[in-house]
Amino acid sequence: MAEHPPVVVHPPSPSGGRRVTIRGEIVGLAHGPGDVAEFLRRAGLDENVVALDDPVLIEWRGGGLEVW
C-alpha cells in the first residue's frame, strides 16, 4: 500500500481558503502559500528547507500550489 504524504492541502472551499491537515489533524484554513508555510513551521518543519511543491511531504487536492 502506498504511503500518503503527511500534509494534505484540501480543495478550495466555496467560501474561500483551503483546509490543511497534518497527519490527519486539521491545523487551519490557508488563504495562500504563506499560510501553508506557517502551518508547517508551527508543526516544527523548517520553512527554509521545506518545498511546498514536494510531493513526498504535501498532497495538493483540487489544484496545486497556484490554486486558491
Protein backbone atom coordinates (compact mmCIF):
# COMPACT_ATOMS: atom_id res chain seq x y z
CA MET A 1 0.00 0.00 0.00
CA ALA A 2 1.37 3.41 -0.99
CA GLU A 3 2.10 5.85 1.76
CA HIS A 4 0.34 9.24 1.64
CA PRO A 5 2.17 12.50 2.33
CA PRO A 6 1.75 13.70 5.95
CA VAL A 7 0.44 17.11 4.83
CA VAL A 8 -2.75 17.50 2.80
CA VAL A 9 -3.97 20.77 1.35
CA HIS A 10 -7.63 20.15 0.57
CA PRO A 11 -9.60 21.60 -2.38
CA PRO A 12 -10.56 25.27 -2.28
CA SER A 13 -13.66 25.96 -0.22
CA PRO A 14 -16.61 27.78 -1.84
CA SER A 15 -16.27 30.41 0.92
CA GLY A 16 -12.51 30.79 0.35
CA GLY A 17 -9.35 29.18 1.61
CA ARG A 18 -8.13 25.61 1.72
CA ARG A 19 -8.21 23.34 4.78
CA VAL A 20 -4.80 21.97 5.76
CA THR A 21 -4.27 18.75 7.67
CA ILE A 22 -1.03 17.37 9.07
CA ARG A 23 -1.05 13.65 9.91
CA GLY A 24 -4.85 13.69 9.80
CA GLU A 25 -5.27 16.66 12.17
CA ILE A 26 -6.80 19.90 10.91
CA VAL A 27 -4.28 22.69 11.53
CA GLY A 28 -6.11 25.57 9.87
CA LEU A 29 -7.51 27.27 6.81
CA ALA A 30 -4.91 28.59 4.39
CA HIS A 31 -5.60 31.53 2.08
CA GLY A 32 -2.27 31.31 0.28
CA PRO A 33 1.11 29.57 0.25
CA GLY A 34 2.37 31.70 3.14
CA ASP A 35 -0.31 30.24 5.40
CA VAL A 36 0.70 26.69 4.45
CA ALA A 37 4.34 27.54 5.21
CA GLU A 38 3.30 28.94 8.60
CA PHE A 39 1.36 25.78 9.49
CA LEU A 40 4.43 23.72 8.60
CA ARG A 41 6.62 25.98 10.74
CA ARG A 42 4.25 25.57 13.70
CA ALA A 43 4.45 21.80 13.19
CA GLY A 44 8.22 22.01 13.62
CA LEU A 45 9.32 21.94 9.99
CA ASP A 46 11.92 24.46 8.82
CA GLU A 47 10.25 26.64 6.20
CA ASN A 48 13.68 27.46 4.75
CA VAL A 49 14.23 23.78 3.91
CA VAL A 50 10.70 22.61 3.05
CA ALA A 51 9.50 22.96 -0.54
CA LEU A 52 5.75 23.48 -0.85
CA ASP A 53 5.80 21.55 -4.13
CA ASP A 54 7.44 18.47 -2.57
CA PRO A 55 5.01 15.59 -3.34
CA VAL A 56 6.59 13.41 -0.64
CA LEU A 57 5.60 15.97 2.00
CA ILE A 58 2.45 17.66 0.67
CA GLU A 59 -0.53 16.34 -1.28
CA TRP A 60 -2.40 19.13 -3.06
CA ARG A 61 -6.02 18.12 -3.73
CA GLY A 62 -8.26 20.01 -6.11
CA GLY A 63 -5.43 22.00 -7.64
CA GLY A 64 -1.83 22.76 -6.92
CA LEU A 65 0.08 25.48 -5.20
CA GLU A 66 -1.24 28.14 -7.57
CA VAL A 67 -4.97 27.37 -6.99
CA TRP A 68 -6.73 29.37 -4.27
